[in-house]
């Protein structure tokens, strides 16, 4: 299955959503979308993987390799994943140390997306 990537501003955050398989062949598309999000200097970057059906180590790196840039911009990274396989790969990678993993996008955006910057 191909990867579809979407991007949208929500309040002070930039949400990058992916659907399909996130692997070595498709990871560059997600990474490019996160880079475009960073151009907007958002208070937070939310990587929404709730529609991702498969992820491998290249996909994990695509999700997390911009953390230092995000921190340097005084922004926050939030990762959302609902599928157990995707969550397990992210957790087993060991790269989530200190990085929260949310189950649903509403956990991050809540009722007031503009207040996202104050969220943990």
N, C-alpha and C. Protein backbone atom coordinates (compact mmCIF):
# COMPACT_ATOMS: atom_id res chain seq x y z
N UNK A 1 0.84 -1.18 0.00
CA UNK A 1 0.00 0.00 0.00
C UNK A 1 0.89 1.25 0.00
N UNK A 2 0.57 2.20 -0.81
CA UNK A 2 1.32 3.45 -0.89
C UNK A 2 1.07 4.29 0.35
N UNK A 3 1.95 5.23 0.58
CA UNK A 3 1.80 6.14 1.71
C UNK A 3 1.19 7.44 1.22
N UNK A 4 0.15 7.89 1.91
CA UNK A 4 -0.45 9.20 1.66
C UNK A 4 -0.06 10.10 2.81
N UNK A 5 0.36 11.32 2.51
CA UNK A 5 0.78 12.27 3.53
C UNK A 5 -0.03 13.54 3.37
N UNK A 6 -0.54 14.04 4.48
CA UNK A 6 -1.28 15.29 4.48
C UNK A 6 -0.68 16.24 5.50
N UNK A 7 -0.87 17.52 5.28
CA UNK A 7 -0.33 18.54 6.18
C UNK A 7 -1.40 19.61 6.39
N UNK A 8 -1.51 20.08 7.64
CA UNK A 8 -2.45 21.16 7.91
C UNK A 8 -2.09 21.86 9.21
N UNK A 9 -2.39 23.14 9.22
CA UNK A 9 -2.22 23.93 10.44
C UNK A 9 -3.47 23.76 11.30
N UNK A 10 -3.27 23.58 12.59
CA UNK A 10 -4.36 23.50 13.56
C UNK A 10 -3.95 24.37 14.74
N UNK A 11 -4.54 25.54 14.81
CA UNK A 11 -4.12 26.47 15.86
C UNK A 11 -2.66 26.84 15.68
N UNK A 12 -1.88 26.66 16.72
CA UNK A 12 -0.46 26.98 16.67
C UNK A 12 0.39 25.76 16.30
N UNK A 13 -0.28 24.65 15.98
CA UNK A 13 0.41 23.41 15.64
C UNK A 13 0.36 23.15 14.14
N UNK A 14 1.25 22.29 13.69
CA UNK A 14 1.23 21.81 12.32
C UNK A 14 1.09 20.30 12.40
N UNK A 15 0.02 19.75 11.82
CA UNK A 15 -0.24 18.32 11.87
C UNK A 15 0.18 17.70 10.54
N UNK A 16 1.04 16.70 10.63
CA UNK A 16 1.47 15.92 9.47
C UNK A 16 0.87 14.53 9.65
N UNK A 17 -0.04 14.15 8.76
CA UNK A 17 -0.73 12.87 8.86
C UNK A 17 -0.24 11.93 7.78
N UNK A 18 -0.09 10.68 8.16
CA UNK A 18 0.33 9.65 7.20
C UNK A 18 -0.67 8.51 7.22
N UNK A 19 -0.89 7.91 6.05
CA UNK A 19 -1.78 6.76 5.93
C UNK A 19 -1.16 5.75 4.99
N UNK A 20 -1.12 4.50 5.42
CA UNK A 20 -0.53 3.44 4.60
C UNK A 20 0.69 2.85 5.26
N UNK A 21 1.65 2.43 4.43
CA UNK A 21 2.86 1.79 4.92
C UNK A 21 4.02 2.78 4.96
N UNK A 22 4.63 2.91 6.14
CA UNK A 22 5.74 3.82 6.34
C UNK A 22 7.01 2.99 6.47
N UNK A 23 7.77 2.95 5.37
CA UNK A 23 8.97 2.12 5.34
C UNK A 23 10.08 2.83 4.57
N UNK A 24 11.13 2.11 4.27
CA UNK A 24 12.28 2.69 3.58
C UNK A 24 11.92 3.34 2.26
N UNK A 25 10.93 2.81 1.58
CA UNK A 25 10.54 3.35 0.28
C UNK A 25 9.69 4.61 0.39
N UNK A 26 9.05 4.82 1.54
CA UNK A 26 8.12 5.95 1.67
C UNK A 26 8.51 6.96 2.74
N UNK A 27 9.50 6.65 3.55
CA UNK A 27 9.86 7.50 4.69
C UNK A 27 10.26 8.91 4.27
N UNK A 28 10.87 9.05 3.13
CA UNK A 28 11.29 10.37 2.66
C UNK A 28 10.12 11.33 2.47
N UNK A 29 8.97 10.80 2.10
CA UNK A 29 7.79 11.65 1.92
C UNK A 29 7.33 12.24 3.26
N UNK A 30 7.37 11.41 4.31
CA UNK A 30 6.99 11.92 5.63
C UNK A 30 8.02 12.93 6.13
N UNK A 31 9.29 12.61 5.96
CA UNK A 31 10.36 13.51 6.40
C UNK A 31 10.24 14.87 5.70
N UNK A 32 9.95 14.87 4.41
CA UNK A 32 9.78 16.13 3.66
C UNK A 32 8.60 16.92 4.19
N UNK A 33 7.52 16.25 4.56
CA UNK A 33 6.34 16.94 5.09
C UNK A 33 6.66 17.57 6.45
N UNK A 34 7.42 16.87 7.28
CA UNK A 34 7.82 17.43 8.57
C UNK A 34 8.71 18.65 8.34
N UNK A 35 9.62 18.57 7.38
CA UNK A 35 10.48 19.71 7.06
C UNK A 35 9.65 20.92 6.61
N UNK A 36 8.62 20.68 5.79
CA UNK A 36 7.76 21.79 5.37
C UNK A 36 7.01 22.37 6.57
N UNK A 37 6.60 21.51 7.49
CA UNK A 37 5.93 21.99 8.70
C UNK A 37 6.86 22.88 9.50
N UNK A 38 8.11 22.51 9.60
CA UNK A 38 9.07 23.30 10.36
C UNK A 38 9.30 24.68 9.74
N UNK A 39 9.13 24.78 8.44
CA UNK A 39 9.25 26.09 7.77
C UNK A 39 8.23 27.09 8.31
N UNK A 40 7.10 26.58 8.82
CA UNK A 40 6.05 27.44 9.36
C UNK A 40 6.33 27.88 10.80
N UNK A 41 7.41 27.36 11.39
CA UNK A 41 7.78 27.66 12.79
C UNK A 41 6.62 27.47 13.76
N UNK A 42 6.01 26.28 13.76
CA UNK A 42 4.86 26.04 14.64
C UNK A 42 5.28 25.85 16.10
N UNK A 43 4.32 26.03 16.99
CA UNK A 43 4.57 25.77 18.41
C UNK A 43 4.75 24.28 18.65
N UNK A 44 4.13 23.47 17.80
CA UNK A 44 4.24 22.01 17.92
C UNK A 44 4.09 21.38 16.54
N UNK A 45 4.78 20.26 16.37
CA UNK A 45 4.61 19.42 15.18
C UNK A 45 3.98 18.13 15.68
N UNK A 46 2.84 17.78 15.11
CA UNK A 46 2.13 16.57 15.48
C UNK A 46 2.23 15.60 14.31
N UNK A 47 2.85 14.46 14.54
CA UNK A 47 2.95 13.43 13.50
C UNK A 47 1.86 12.41 13.81
N UNK A 48 0.84 12.41 12.97
CA UNK A 48 -0.34 11.57 13.16
C UNK A 48 -0.19 10.30 12.34
N UNK A 49 0.05 9.19 13.02
CA UNK A 49 0.23 7.89 12.36
C UNK A 49 -0.97 6.98 12.59
N UNK A 50 -2.12 7.54 12.94
CA UNK A 50 -3.27 6.70 13.26
C UNK A 50 -3.75 5.87 12.08
N UNK A 51 -3.45 6.28 10.86
CA UNK A 51 -3.86 5.52 9.68
C UNK A 51 -2.69 4.75 9.06
N UNK A 52 -1.56 4.68 9.77
CA UNK A 52 -0.42 3.89 9.28
C UNK A 52 -0.66 2.44 9.67
N UNK A 53 -0.51 1.55 8.68
CA UNK A 53 -0.77 0.13 8.90
C UNK A 53 0.50 -0.67 9.12
N UNK A 54 1.64 -0.11 8.76
CA UNK A 54 2.93 -0.79 8.91
C UNK A 54 4.02 0.26 9.05
N UNK A 55 5.00 -0.01 9.91
CA UNK A 55 6.15 0.87 10.05
C UNK A 55 7.38 0.01 10.28
N UNK A 56 8.51 0.41 9.68
CA UNK A 56 9.77 -0.27 9.94
C UNK A 56 10.77 0.74 10.50
N UNK A 57 12.02 0.34 10.63
CA UNK A 57 13.02 1.22 11.26
C UNK A 57 13.22 2.51 10.48
N UNK A 58 13.12 2.47 9.17
CA UNK A 58 13.25 3.70 8.37
C UNK A 58 12.08 4.63 8.67
N UNK A 59 10.91 4.08 8.87
CA UNK A 59 9.76 4.88 9.23
C UNK A 59 9.91 5.52 10.60
N UNK A 60 10.44 4.76 11.55
CA UNK A 60 10.69 5.30 12.89
C UNK A 60 11.66 6.46 12.80
N UNK A 61 12.73 6.30 12.06
CA UNK A 61 13.72 7.39 11.90
C UNK A 61 13.08 8.61 11.25
N UNK A 62 12.20 8.40 10.26
CA UNK A 62 11.54 9.53 9.60
C UNK A 62 10.68 10.31 10.59
N UNK A 63 10.07 9.61 11.53
CA UNK A 63 9.21 10.26 12.52
C UNK A 63 10.05 11.05 13.52
N UNK A 64 11.16 10.48 13.94
CA UNK A 64 11.88 11.03 15.09
C UNK A 64 13.17 11.77 14.77
N UNK A 65 13.66 11.73 13.55
CA UNK A 65 14.99 12.30 13.31
C UNK A 65 15.04 13.82 13.26
N UNK A 66 13.90 14.48 13.32
CA UNK A 66 13.90 15.96 13.34
C UNK A 66 13.68 16.51 14.76
N UNK A 67 13.72 15.63 15.76
CA UNK A 67 13.50 16.08 17.14
C UNK A 67 14.44 17.20 17.55
N UNK A 68 15.72 17.08 17.22
CA UNK A 68 16.68 18.11 17.65
C UNK A 68 16.38 19.45 16.98
N UNK A 69 15.96 19.42 15.72
CA UNK A 69 15.60 20.65 15.01
C UNK A 69 14.35 21.25 15.65
N UNK A 70 13.38 20.41 15.97
CA UNK A 70 12.14 20.87 16.59
C UNK A 70 12.45 21.53 17.93
N UNK A 71 13.29 20.90 18.72
CA UNK A 71 13.67 21.48 20.02
C UNK A 71 14.42 22.80 19.84
N UNK A 72 15.32 22.84 18.87
CA UNK A 72 16.09 24.07 18.63
C UNK A 72 15.19 25.23 18.23
N UNK A 73 14.06 24.92 17.61
CA UNK A 73 13.09 25.96 17.22
C UNK A 73 12.13 26.28 18.36
N UNK A 74 12.40 25.72 19.55
CA UNK A 74 11.55 25.91 20.72
C UNK A 74 10.13 25.44 20.43
N UNK A 75 10.04 24.33 19.74
CA UNK A 75 8.77 23.72 19.39
C UNK A 75 8.68 22.37 20.10
N UNK A 76 7.57 21.68 19.93
CA UNK A 76 7.39 20.36 20.53
C UNK A 76 7.00 19.36 19.45
N UNK A 77 7.40 18.11 19.67
CA UNK A 77 7.00 17.02 18.78
C UNK A 77 6.03 16.13 19.54
N UNK A 78 4.91 15.82 18.90
CA UNK A 78 3.94 14.88 19.44
C UNK A 78 3.74 13.79 18.39
N UNK A 79 3.77 12.53 18.82
CA UNK A 79 3.56 11.40 17.93
C UNK A 79 2.28 10.70 18.35
N UNK A 80 1.42 10.44 17.37
CA UNK A 80 0.13 9.79 17.62
C UNK A 80 0.09 8.50 16.81
N UNK A 81 -0.15 7.38 17.48
CA UNK A 81 -0.26 6.09 16.78
C UNK A 81 -1.27 5.24 17.52
N UNK A 82 -2.22 4.68 16.79
CA UNK A 82 -3.25 3.86 17.40
C UNK A 82 -3.05 2.38 17.20
N UNK A 83 -2.55 1.98 16.03
CA UNK A 83 -2.39 0.56 15.72
C UNK A 83 -1.33 -0.07 16.62
N UNK A 84 -1.65 -1.21 17.19
CA UNK A 84 -0.72 -1.86 18.13
C UNK A 84 0.62 -2.20 17.47
N UNK A 85 0.62 -2.64 16.21
CA UNK A 85 1.88 -2.97 15.53
C UNK A 85 2.76 -1.74 15.42
N UNK A 86 2.17 -0.62 15.07
CA UNK A 86 2.92 0.63 14.91
C UNK A 86 3.44 1.09 16.27
N UNK A 87 2.60 1.05 17.29
CA UNK A 87 3.01 1.44 18.64
C UNK A 87 4.14 0.55 19.14
N UNK A 88 4.02 -0.77 18.90
CA UNK A 88 5.04 -1.70 19.37
C UNK A 88 6.39 -1.41 18.72
N UNK A 89 6.41 -1.16 17.42
CA UNK A 89 7.67 -0.87 16.74
C UNK A 89 8.27 0.43 17.28
N UNK A 90 7.45 1.45 17.46
CA UNK A 90 7.95 2.72 17.99
C UNK A 90 8.51 2.53 19.40
N UNK A 91 7.80 1.79 20.25
CA UNK A 91 8.25 1.58 21.62
C UNK A 91 9.50 0.71 21.68
N UNK A 92 9.55 -0.36 20.88
CA UNK A 92 10.70 -1.26 20.89
C UNK A 92 11.96 -0.63 20.29
N UNK A 93 11.78 0.40 19.49
CA UNK A 93 12.94 1.05 18.87
C UNK A 93 13.85 1.69 19.90
N UNK A 94 13.29 2.03 21.06
CA UNK A 94 14.06 2.71 22.09
C UNK A 94 14.26 4.19 21.80
N UNK A 95 13.78 4.66 20.67
CA UNK A 95 13.96 6.05 20.29
C UNK A 95 12.93 6.99 20.91
N UNK A 96 11.94 6.41 21.58
CA UNK A 96 10.89 7.23 22.18
C UNK A 96 11.25 7.72 23.58
N UNK A 97 12.44 7.39 24.03
CA UNK A 97 12.87 7.82 25.37
C UNK A 97 12.58 9.29 25.58
N UNK A 98 11.71 9.60 26.54
CA UNK A 98 11.36 10.98 26.82
C UNK A 98 10.39 11.59 25.82
N UNK A 99 9.89 10.78 24.90
CA UNK A 99 8.97 11.26 23.87
C UNK A 99 7.60 10.63 24.09
N UNK A 100 6.57 11.41 24.41
CA UNK A 100 5.26 10.81 24.62
C UNK A 100 4.69 10.22 23.33
N UNK A 101 3.96 9.14 23.49
CA UNK A 101 3.28 8.49 22.37
C UNK A 101 1.79 8.50 22.69
N UNK A 102 1.01 9.19 21.87
CA UNK A 102 -0.43 9.33 22.09
C UNK A 102 -1.18 8.31 21.24
N UNK A 103 -2.37 7.91 21.70
CA UNK A 103 -3.21 6.96 20.96
C UNK A 103 -4.14 7.65 19.97
N UNK A 104 -4.57 8.86 20.30
CA UNK A 104 -5.54 9.57 19.45
C UNK A 104 -5.12 11.02 19.27
N UNK A 105 -5.43 11.56 18.13
CA UNK A 105 -5.10 12.94 17.82
C UNK A 105 -5.76 13.90 18.81
N UNK A 106 -6.95 13.56 19.28
CA UNK A 106 -7.66 14.43 20.22
C UNK A 106 -6.91 14.56 21.55
N UNK A 107 -6.07 13.59 21.91
CA UNK A 107 -5.26 13.69 23.12
C UNK A 107 -4.29 14.86 23.03
N UNK A 108 -3.83 15.14 21.83
CA UNK A 108 -2.86 16.20 21.63
C UNK A 108 -3.54 17.52 21.38
N UNK A 109 -4.50 17.53 20.48
CA UNK A 109 -5.14 18.78 20.09
C UNK A 109 -6.20 19.22 21.09
N UNK A 110 -6.88 18.29 21.72
CA UNK A 110 -7.90 18.62 22.69
C UNK A 110 -8.98 19.49 22.09
N UNK A 111 -9.68 20.16 22.94
CA UNK A 111 -10.78 21.02 22.49
C UNK A 111 -10.27 22.38 22.02
N UNK A 112 -9.05 22.74 22.39
CA UNK A 112 -8.51 24.06 22.08
C UNK A 112 -7.16 23.92 21.42
N UNK A 113 -7.10 23.69 20.08
CA UNK A 113 -5.82 23.52 19.41
C UNK A 113 -4.88 24.70 19.61
N UNK A 114 -5.40 25.90 19.81
CA UNK A 114 -4.54 27.06 20.01
C UNK A 114 -3.79 26.95 21.32
N UNK A 115 -4.28 26.15 22.26
CA UNK A 115 -3.61 25.99 23.54
C UNK A 115 -2.58 24.87 23.52
N UNK A 116 -2.34 24.29 22.38
CA UNK A 116 -1.41 23.17 22.26
C UNK A 116 -0.02 23.50 22.77
N UNK A 117 0.46 24.69 22.53
CA UNK A 117 1.82 25.05 22.93
C UNK A 117 2.01 24.93 24.42
N UNK A 118 0.96 25.07 25.20
CA UNK A 118 1.07 24.97 26.64
C UNK A 118 0.96 23.53 27.12
N UNK A 119 0.54 22.64 26.22
CA UNK A 119 0.39 21.24 26.59
C UNK A 119 1.73 20.57 26.73
N UNK A 120 1.78 19.48 27.52
CA UNK A 120 3.03 18.78 27.76
C UNK A 120 3.39 17.93 26.68
